[in-house]
Amino acid sequence: MRSIYNAHGKHCYLRSFKTSCPSCGVDVLYWECTHGCKVFFQYPPYGKLIRHKCKKFKGKSKLSKNKYPIIVKSPKGLLEKASPSCPACGKLFKTEVNLREHLKQLKKSEALHRLYYEQEIKIEDNSRISKRLNDKFNIHYKPVFGKITLKKKNNDF
């Protein structure tokens, strides 16, 4: 005698026929094997058989997934207090003293930090002035979506 296989294959087949699902009433293919396994598949079968899942039970699973409300918490720390930022690189600092030390350290290596240190610009916490100055020193052109820009041609012949 053969031992009972764990996997079902081509060798395992008893009967199959078209019927309707007892819970939702959809046409399904009933399949039964020699091991006593009984399964409903979607009807009509095209290629690989797809197991039938009742609409009746799909609705219940969606309700259980959204059982608890989604809670969004704002992060604590730097966002609560307005912290001073470097006008050249945009790095955030806890105190203005730390920001001035940062400018002193980088004035030797970077031209943009040197410019801010020499002009002694008043440092304001995330102000419009620092953002405007940052925009002036942007080297790369960043186009705005939906805006048409035309370049002027020099006609000096």
N, C-alpha and C. Protein backbone atom coordinates (compact mmCIF):
# COMPACT_ATOMS: atom_id res chain seq x y z
N MET A 1 0.83 -1.20 0.00
CA MET A 1 0.00 0.00 0.00
C MET A 1 0.87 1.24 0.00
N ARG A 2 0.32 2.26 -0.64
CA ARG A 2 1.03 3.54 -0.66
C ARG A 2 0.78 4.32 0.61
N SER A 3 1.78 5.08 1.02
CA SER A 3 1.57 5.96 2.17
C SER A 3 0.85 7.23 1.72
N ILE A 4 0.19 7.92 2.64
CA ILE A 4 -0.58 9.13 2.30
C ILE A 4 0.40 10.28 2.08
N TYR A 5 0.28 10.96 0.92
CA TYR A 5 1.15 12.08 0.59
C TYR A 5 0.65 13.36 1.25
N ASN A 6 1.58 14.22 1.65
CA ASN A 6 1.20 15.52 2.22
C ASN A 6 0.77 16.50 1.13
N ALA A 7 1.37 16.39 -0.05
CA ALA A 7 1.08 17.33 -1.14
C ALA A 7 0.13 16.68 -2.13
N HIS A 8 -0.75 17.49 -2.72
CA HIS A 8 -1.66 17.01 -3.75
C HIS A 8 -1.03 17.27 -5.10
N GLY A 9 -1.14 16.35 -6.01
CA GLY A 9 -0.58 16.50 -7.35
C GLY A 9 -1.52 15.93 -8.38
N LYS A 10 -0.97 15.60 -9.56
CA LYS A 10 -1.78 15.05 -10.66
C LYS A 10 -2.35 13.68 -10.30
N HIS A 11 -1.63 12.96 -9.45
CA HIS A 11 -2.05 11.61 -9.06
C HIS A 11 -3.27 11.65 -8.13
N CYS A 12 -3.51 12.80 -7.48
CA CYS A 12 -4.54 12.90 -6.45
C CYS A 12 -5.80 13.54 -7.03
N TYR A 13 -6.83 12.72 -7.32
CA TYR A 13 -8.07 13.24 -7.89
C TYR A 13 -9.16 12.21 -7.70
N LEU A 14 -10.32 12.65 -7.25
CA LEU A 14 -11.44 11.72 -7.11
C LEU A 14 -12.58 12.16 -8.01
N ARG A 15 -13.06 13.39 -7.80
CA ARG A 15 -14.14 13.91 -8.63
C ARG A 15 -14.18 15.43 -8.56
N SER A 16 -14.78 16.04 -9.58
CA SER A 16 -15.00 17.49 -9.59
C SER A 16 -16.21 17.78 -10.46
N PHE A 17 -16.99 18.80 -10.08
CA PHE A 17 -18.17 19.17 -10.85
C PHE A 17 -18.57 20.60 -10.51
N LYS A 18 -19.40 21.19 -11.39
CA LYS A 18 -19.88 22.56 -11.19
C LYS A 18 -21.02 22.54 -10.20
N THR A 19 -20.97 23.49 -9.26
CA THR A 19 -22.03 23.64 -8.26
C THR A 19 -22.07 25.10 -7.83
N SER A 20 -22.87 25.41 -6.82
CA SER A 20 -22.93 26.79 -6.31
C SER A 20 -22.48 26.80 -4.85
N CYS A 21 -21.88 27.91 -4.45
CA CYS A 21 -21.37 28.05 -3.08
C CYS A 21 -22.56 28.10 -2.12
N PRO A 22 -22.55 27.33 -1.04
CA PRO A 22 -23.69 27.32 -0.12
C PRO A 22 -23.88 28.63 0.64
N SER A 23 -22.82 29.42 0.85
CA SER A 23 -22.97 30.65 1.64
C SER A 23 -23.26 31.88 0.78
N CYS A 24 -22.60 32.02 -0.40
CA CYS A 24 -22.83 33.24 -1.19
C CYS A 24 -23.57 32.99 -2.50
N GLY A 25 -23.73 31.74 -2.95
CA GLY A 25 -24.53 31.42 -4.12
C GLY A 25 -23.84 31.60 -5.46
N VAL A 26 -22.54 31.80 -5.51
CA VAL A 26 -21.79 31.99 -6.75
C VAL A 26 -21.46 30.62 -7.35
N ASP A 27 -21.41 30.55 -8.71
CA ASP A 27 -21.02 29.30 -9.37
C ASP A 27 -19.56 28.99 -9.06
N VAL A 28 -19.30 27.77 -8.57
CA VAL A 28 -17.95 27.34 -8.23
C VAL A 28 -17.71 25.92 -8.75
N LEU A 29 -16.44 25.53 -8.77
CA LEU A 29 -16.05 24.18 -9.14
C LEU A 29 -15.73 23.42 -7.86
N TYR A 30 -16.47 22.36 -7.59
CA TYR A 30 -16.24 21.54 -6.40
C TYR A 30 -15.20 20.49 -6.77
N TRP A 31 -14.14 20.35 -5.96
CA TRP A 31 -13.05 19.41 -6.23
C TRP A 31 -12.82 18.57 -4.98
N GLU A 32 -12.74 17.26 -5.18
CA GLU A 32 -12.52 16.34 -4.07
C GLU A 32 -11.41 15.37 -4.45
N CYS A 33 -10.54 15.04 -3.49
CA CYS A 33 -9.41 14.16 -3.77
C CYS A 33 -9.55 12.84 -3.01
N THR A 34 -8.61 11.94 -3.28
CA THR A 34 -8.64 10.62 -2.66
C THR A 34 -8.31 10.67 -1.17
N HIS A 35 -7.69 11.76 -0.71
CA HIS A 35 -7.35 11.89 0.71
C HIS A 35 -8.50 12.48 1.54
N GLY A 36 -9.58 12.87 0.86
CA GLY A 36 -10.73 13.43 1.57
C GLY A 36 -10.75 14.95 1.60
N CYS A 37 -9.89 15.59 0.83
CA CYS A 37 -9.85 17.06 0.78
C CYS A 37 -10.94 17.56 -0.15
N LYS A 38 -11.72 18.54 0.32
CA LYS A 38 -12.80 19.12 -0.48
C LYS A 38 -12.58 20.62 -0.57
N VAL A 39 -12.50 21.14 -1.83
CA VAL A 39 -12.17 22.55 -2.05
C VAL A 39 -13.10 23.13 -3.10
N PHE A 40 -13.47 24.43 -2.93
CA PHE A 40 -14.21 25.16 -3.95
C PHE A 40 -13.23 26.06 -4.71
N PHE A 41 -13.31 26.03 -6.06
CA PHE A 41 -12.50 26.89 -6.92
C PHE A 41 -13.41 27.79 -7.73
N GLN A 42 -12.87 28.91 -8.23
CA GLN A 42 -13.66 29.82 -9.06
C GLN A 42 -14.03 29.13 -10.37
N TYR A 43 -15.25 29.44 -10.84
CA TYR A 43 -15.73 28.82 -12.08
C TYR A 43 -15.95 29.90 -13.11
N PRO A 44 -15.66 29.77 -14.35
CA PRO A 44 -15.03 28.66 -15.04
C PRO A 44 -13.52 28.66 -14.81
N PRO A 45 -12.90 27.48 -14.76
CA PRO A 45 -11.46 27.40 -14.50
C PRO A 45 -10.65 27.69 -15.77
N TYR A 46 -9.78 28.70 -15.69
CA TYR A 46 -8.86 29.02 -16.79
C TYR A 46 -7.45 28.87 -16.26
N GLY A 47 -6.66 27.95 -16.79
CA GLY A 47 -5.28 27.77 -16.36
C GLY A 47 -5.22 27.23 -14.94
N LYS A 48 -4.46 27.92 -14.08
CA LYS A 48 -4.29 27.48 -12.70
C LYS A 48 -5.57 27.74 -11.92
N LEU A 49 -5.96 26.79 -11.09
CA LEU A 49 -7.19 26.93 -10.30
C LEU A 49 -7.01 27.95 -9.19
N ILE A 50 -8.00 28.84 -9.05
CA ILE A 50 -7.98 29.88 -8.02
C ILE A 50 -9.02 29.53 -6.98
N ARG A 51 -8.60 29.48 -5.73
CA ARG A 51 -9.50 29.09 -4.65
C ARG A 51 -10.59 30.14 -4.45
N HIS A 52 -11.81 29.68 -4.21
CA HIS A 52 -12.96 30.57 -4.02
C HIS A 52 -12.97 31.13 -2.60
N LYS A 53 -13.15 32.46 -2.51
CA LYS A 53 -13.28 33.12 -1.21
C LYS A 53 -14.61 33.85 -1.20
N CYS A 54 -15.45 33.52 -0.25
CA CYS A 54 -16.80 34.08 -0.21
C CYS A 54 -16.79 35.57 0.06
N LYS A 55 -17.72 36.29 -0.60
CA LYS A 55 -17.88 37.72 -0.37
C LYS A 55 -18.39 37.97 1.05
N LYS A 56 -19.11 37.01 1.56
CA LYS A 56 -19.69 37.13 2.90
C LYS A 56 -18.60 37.31 3.95
N PHE A 57 -17.48 36.59 3.80
CA PHE A 57 -16.41 36.63 4.78
C PHE A 57 -15.40 37.74 4.50
N LYS A 58 -15.37 38.27 3.27
CA LYS A 58 -14.44 39.35 2.93
C LYS A 58 -14.79 40.62 3.70
N GLY A 59 -16.07 40.93 3.83
CA GLY A 59 -16.51 42.14 4.52
C GLY A 59 -16.14 42.14 5.99
N LYS A 60 -16.20 41.00 6.62
CA LYS A 60 -15.87 40.90 8.04
C LYS A 60 -14.39 41.13 8.29
N SER A 61 -13.54 40.66 7.36
CA SER A 61 -12.09 40.83 7.55
C SER A 61 -11.69 42.30 7.44
N LYS A 62 -12.36 43.08 6.58
CA LYS A 62 -12.05 44.50 6.44
C LYS A 62 -12.39 45.27 7.71
N LEU A 63 -13.49 44.91 8.34
CA LEU A 63 -13.88 45.59 9.57
C LEU A 63 -12.89 45.32 10.69
N SER A 64 -12.37 44.10 10.74
CA SER A 64 -11.43 43.77 11.81
C SER A 64 -10.09 44.46 11.61
N LYS A 65 -9.70 44.75 10.35
CA LYS A 65 -8.44 45.44 10.09
C LYS A 65 -8.50 46.89 10.55
N ASN A 66 -9.62 47.57 10.33
CA ASN A 66 -9.77 48.97 10.69
C ASN A 66 -10.46 49.14 12.04
N LYS A 67 -10.25 48.20 12.92
CA LYS A 67 -10.91 48.22 14.21
C LYS A 67 -10.41 49.36 15.08
N TYR A 68 -9.12 49.64 15.02
CA TYR A 68 -8.54 50.67 15.87
C TYR A 68 -8.24 51.92 15.04
N PRO A 69 -8.49 53.11 15.58
CA PRO A 69 -8.24 54.35 14.82
C PRO A 69 -6.74 54.61 14.67
N ILE A 70 -6.38 55.31 13.59
CA ILE A 70 -4.99 55.65 13.33
C ILE A 70 -4.65 56.92 14.11
N ILE A 71 -3.60 56.86 14.92
CA ILE A 71 -3.19 58.00 15.74
C ILE A 71 -1.88 58.54 15.18
N VAL A 72 -1.87 59.86 14.89
CA VAL A 72 -0.67 60.50 14.38
C VAL A 72 -0.19 61.48 15.44
N LYS A 73 1.03 61.28 15.93
CA LYS A 73 1.59 62.16 16.95
C LYS A 73 2.70 62.99 16.33
N SER A 74 2.75 64.27 16.73
CA SER A 74 3.83 65.12 16.23
C SER A 74 5.10 64.84 17.03
N PRO A 75 6.27 64.87 16.38
CA PRO A 75 7.51 64.57 17.08
C PRO A 75 7.88 65.65 18.09
N LYS A 76 8.49 65.22 19.19
CA LYS A 76 8.90 66.15 20.23
C LYS A 76 10.34 66.59 19.97
N GLY A 77 10.69 67.75 20.47
CA GLY A 77 12.08 68.19 20.34
C GLY A 77 12.22 69.47 19.56
N LEU A 78 12.91 69.40 18.43
CA LEU A 78 13.24 70.60 17.67
C LEU A 78 12.02 71.30 17.07
N LEU A 79 10.94 70.58 16.80
CA LEU A 79 9.79 71.19 16.17
C LEU A 79 8.96 72.03 17.14
N GLU A 80 9.04 71.77 18.42
CA GLU A 80 8.26 72.53 19.39
C GLU A 80 8.80 73.95 19.55
N LYS A 81 10.12 74.09 19.64
CA LYS A 81 10.74 75.39 19.81
C LYS A 81 11.35 75.82 18.49
N ALA A 82 11.29 77.14 18.23
CA ALA A 82 11.93 77.66 17.03
C ALA A 82 13.43 77.68 17.29
N SER A 83 14.17 76.90 16.53
CA SER A 83 15.61 76.81 16.74
C SER A 83 16.33 77.59 15.64
N PRO A 84 17.46 78.23 15.99
CA PRO A 84 18.19 78.99 14.98
C PRO A 84 18.82 78.07 13.94
N SER A 85 18.81 78.52 12.68
CA SER A 85 19.38 77.71 11.61
C SER A 85 20.45 78.50 10.88
N CYS A 86 21.40 77.79 10.32
CA CYS A 86 22.49 78.42 9.57
C CYS A 86 21.92 78.93 8.25
N PRO A 87 22.12 80.21 7.93
CA PRO A 87 21.59 80.75 6.68
C PRO A 87 22.29 80.19 5.45
N ALA A 88 23.50 79.66 5.61
CA ALA A 88 24.25 79.14 4.47
C ALA A 88 23.86 77.70 4.14
N CYS A 89 23.85 76.83 5.14
CA CYS A 89 23.59 75.41 4.86
C CYS A 89 22.25 74.92 5.40
N GLY A 90 21.59 75.69 6.27
CA GLY A 90 20.28 75.31 6.78
C GLY A 90 20.30 74.36 7.97
N LYS A 91 21.46 74.11 8.55
CA LYS A 91 21.59 73.21 9.69
C LYS A 91 20.96 73.86 10.92
N LEU A 92 20.23 73.07 11.73
CA LEU A 92 19.54 73.58 12.92
C LEU A 92 20.42 73.43 14.15
N PHE A 93 20.33 74.43 15.05
CA PHE A 93 21.10 74.42 16.29
C PHE A 93 20.18 74.72 17.46
N LYS A 94 20.62 74.29 18.66
CA LYS A 94 19.82 74.52 19.86
C LYS A 94 19.94 75.96 20.34
N THR A 95 21.14 76.54 20.26
CA THR A 95 21.35 77.92 20.73
C THR A 95 22.08 78.73 19.66
N GLU A 96 22.00 80.06 19.81
CA GLU A 96 22.69 80.95 18.86
C GLU A 96 24.20 80.87 19.02
N VAL A 97 24.67 80.55 20.23
CA VAL A 97 26.11 80.41 20.47
C VAL A 97 26.68 79.28 19.61
N ASN A 98 25.96 78.16 19.57
CA ASN A 98 26.39 77.02 18.75
C ASN A 98 26.41 77.39 17.26
N LEU A 99 25.45 78.20 16.85
CA LEU A 99 25.38 78.63 15.46
C LEU A 99 26.57 79.51 15.10
N ARG A 100 26.93 80.44 15.99
CA ARG A 100 28.07 81.33 15.74
C ARG A 100 29.38 80.54 15.69
N GLU A 101 29.52 79.54 16.55
CA GLU A 101 30.71 78.68 16.52
C GLU A 101 30.79 77.91 15.19
N HIS A 102 29.64 77.47 14.72
CA HIS A 102 29.57 76.76 13.44
C HIS A 102 30.05 77.67 12.31
N LEU A 103 29.59 78.92 12.30
CA LEU A 103 30.00 79.87 11.26
C LEU A 103 31.50 80.17 11.35
N LYS A 104 32.04 80.28 12.59
CA LYS A 104 33.47 80.55 12.76
C LYS A 104 34.31 79.39 12.23
N GLN A 105 33.87 78.16 12.49
CA GLN A 105 34.62 76.99 12.06
C GLN A 105 34.63 76.84 10.54
N LEU A 106 33.50 77.11 9.91
CA LEU A 106 33.39 76.86 8.47
C LEU A 106 33.73 78.07 7.61
N LYS A 107 34.05 79.22 8.23
CA LYS A 107 34.36 80.40 7.42
C LYS A 107 35.67 80.22 6.66
N LYS A 108 36.57 79.38 7.17
CA LYS A 108 37.86 79.16 6.52
C LYS A 108 37.73 78.23 5.32
N SER A 109 36.83 77.27 5.40
CA SER A 109 36.75 76.26 4.35
C SER A 109 35.71 76.56 3.27
N GLU A 110 34.61 77.20 3.61
CA GLU A 110 33.54 77.42 2.63
C GLU A 110 33.30 78.90 2.41
N ALA A 111 33.17 79.29 1.15
CA ALA A 111 33.00 80.69 0.79
C ALA A 111 31.65 81.24 1.25
N LEU A 112 30.63 80.43 1.18
CA LEU A 112 29.29 80.89 1.57
C LEU A 112 29.23 81.20 3.06
N HIS A 113 29.84 80.37 3.90
CA HIS A 113 29.88 80.62 5.34
C HIS A 113 30.74 81.85 5.63
N ARG A 114 31.83 82.04 4.89
CA ARG A 114 32.71 83.20 5.08
C ARG A 114 31.94 84.49 4.79
N LEU A 115 31.13 84.47 3.73
CA LEU A 115 30.35 85.65 3.34
C LEU A 115 29.38 86.04 4.46
N TYR A 116 28.70 85.07 5.04
CA TYR A 116 27.76 85.36 6.13
C TYR A 116 28.49 85.86 7.37
N TYR A 117 29.66 85.30 7.64
CA TYR A 117 30.42 85.70 8.83
C TYR A 117 30.97 87.11 8.66
N GLU A 118 31.46 87.47 7.47
CA GLU A 118 32.02 88.80 7.23
C GLU A 118 30.96 89.88 7.27
N GLN A 119 29.83 89.63 6.70
CA GLN A 119 28.77 90.64 6.66
C GLN A 119 28.06 90.79 7.99
N GLU A 120 28.27 89.85 8.88
CA GLU A 120 27.64 89.85 10.21
C GLU A 120 26.13 90.05 10.11
N ILE A 121 25.53 89.15 9.37
CA ILE A 121 24.07 89.19 9.21
C ILE A 121 23.43 88.78 10.52
N LYS A 122 22.41 89.53 10.91
CA LYS A 122 21.69 89.19 12.14
C LYS A 122 20.96 87.87 11.92
N ILE A 123 21.19 86.94 12.81
CA ILE A 123 20.62 85.61 12.68
C ILE A 123 19.22 85.60 13.29
N GLU A 124 18.26 85.26 12.46
CA GLU A 124 16.88 85.16 12.92
C GLU A 124 16.41 83.72 12.75
N ASP A 125 15.55 83.30 13.64
CA ASP A 125 15.09 81.92 13.64
C ASP A 125 14.14 81.67 12.47
N ASN A 126 14.64 80.95 11.47
CA ASN A 126 13.85 80.55 10.31
C ASN A 126 13.07 81.72 9.70
N SER A 127 13.72 82.84 9.49
CA SER A 127 13.04 84.04 9.00
C SER A 127 13.00 84.08 7.49
N ARG A 128 12.24 85.02 6.95
CA ARG A 128 12.13 85.20 5.52
C ARG A 128 13.44 85.73 4.94
N ILE A 129 14.14 86.54 5.71
CA ILE A 129 15.39 87.14 5.22
C ILE A 129 16.42 86.07 4.93
N SER A 130 16.59 85.12 5.83
CA SER A 130 17.58 84.07 5.62
C SER A 130 17.21 83.19 4.43
N LYS A 131 15.93 82.96 4.22
CA LYS A 131 15.50 82.16 3.08
C LYS A 131 15.76 82.89 1.77
N ARG A 132 15.54 84.21 1.75
CA ARG A 132 15.80 85.00 0.54
C ARG A 132 17.29 84.98 0.20
N LEU A 133 18.14 85.14 1.22
CA LEU A 133 19.58 85.13 0.99
C LEU A 133 20.05 83.76 0.50
N ASN A 134 19.44 82.71 1.02
CA ASN A 134 19.77 81.36 0.56
C ASN A 134 19.44 81.20 -0.91
N ASP A 135 18.30 81.75 -1.34
CA ASP A 135 17.88 81.64 -2.73
C ASP A 135 18.83 82.39 -3.67
N LYS A 136 19.42 83.50 -3.20
CA LYS A 136 20.34 84.27 -4.04
C LYS A 136 21.60 83.48 -4.36
N PHE A 137 22.04 82.66 -3.43
CA PHE A 137 23.30 81.95 -3.59
C PHE A 137 23.14 80.56 -4.21
N ASN A 138 21.92 80.20 -4.60
CA ASN A 138 21.73 78.90 -5.26
C ASN A 138 22.37 78.94 -6.65
N ILE A 139 23.26 78.03 -6.91
CA ILE A 139 23.96 77.99 -8.18
C ILE A 139 23.12 77.27 -9.23
N HIS A 140 22.47 76.21 -8.85
CA HIS A 140 21.72 75.39 -9.79
C HIS A 140 20.33 75.97 -10.00
N TYR A 141 19.88 75.95 -11.24
CA TYR A 141 18.56 76.44 -11.60
C TYR A 141 17.53 75.36 -11.32
N LYS A 142 16.49 75.71 -10.60
CA LYS A 142 15.42 74.76 -10.30
C LYS A 142 14.13 75.29 -10.92
N PRO A 143 13.63 74.68 -12.00
CA PRO A 143 12.40 75.17 -12.63
C PRO A 143 11.19 74.88 -11.77
N VAL A 144 10.18 75.74 -11.88
CA VAL A 144 8.93 75.59 -11.14
C VAL A 144 7.94 74.86 -12.04
N PHE A 145 7.21 73.92 -11.50
CA PHE A 145 6.25 73.14 -12.27
C PHE A 145 5.12 74.03 -12.78
N GLY A 146 4.84 73.96 -14.06
CA GLY A 146 3.74 74.71 -14.65
C GLY A 146 4.09 76.12 -15.07
N LYS A 147 5.31 76.56 -14.83
CA LYS A 147 5.72 77.92 -15.18
C LYS A 147 6.54 77.87 -16.47
N ILE A 148 6.20 78.74 -17.41
CA ILE A 148 6.91 78.78 -18.68
C ILE A 148 7.96 79.88 -18.60
N THR A 149 9.21 79.53 -18.87
CA THR A 149 10.30 80.50 -18.85
C THR A 149 10.93 80.57 -20.22
N LEU A 150 11.12 81.78 -20.71
CA LEU A 150 11.73 82.00 -22.02
C LEU A 150 13.06 82.69 -21.83
N LYS A 151 14.08 82.21 -22.53
CA LYS A 151 15.40 82.82 -22.45
C LYS A 151 15.49 83.93 -23.48
N LYS A 152 16.10 85.04 -23.08
CA LYS A 152 16.29 86.16 -24.00
C LYS A 152 17.53 85.90 -24.84
N LYS A 153 17.43 86.20 -26.14
CA LYS A 153 18.56 86.02 -27.04
C LYS A 153 19.24 87.36 -27.27
N ASN A 154 20.56 87.35 -27.28
CA ASN A 154 21.32 88.55 -27.59
C ASN A 154 21.52 88.62 -29.11
N ASN A 155 21.00 89.66 -29.72
CA ASN A 155 21.13 89.85 -31.17
C ASN A 155 22.16 90.93 -31.46
N ASP A 156 23.34 90.79 -30.93
CA ASP A 156 24.42 91.75 -31.18
C ASP A 156 25.30 91.21 -32.29
N PHE A 157 25.01 91.60 -33.54
CA PHE A 157 25.80 91.15 -34.69
C PHE A 157 26.74 92.22 -35.13
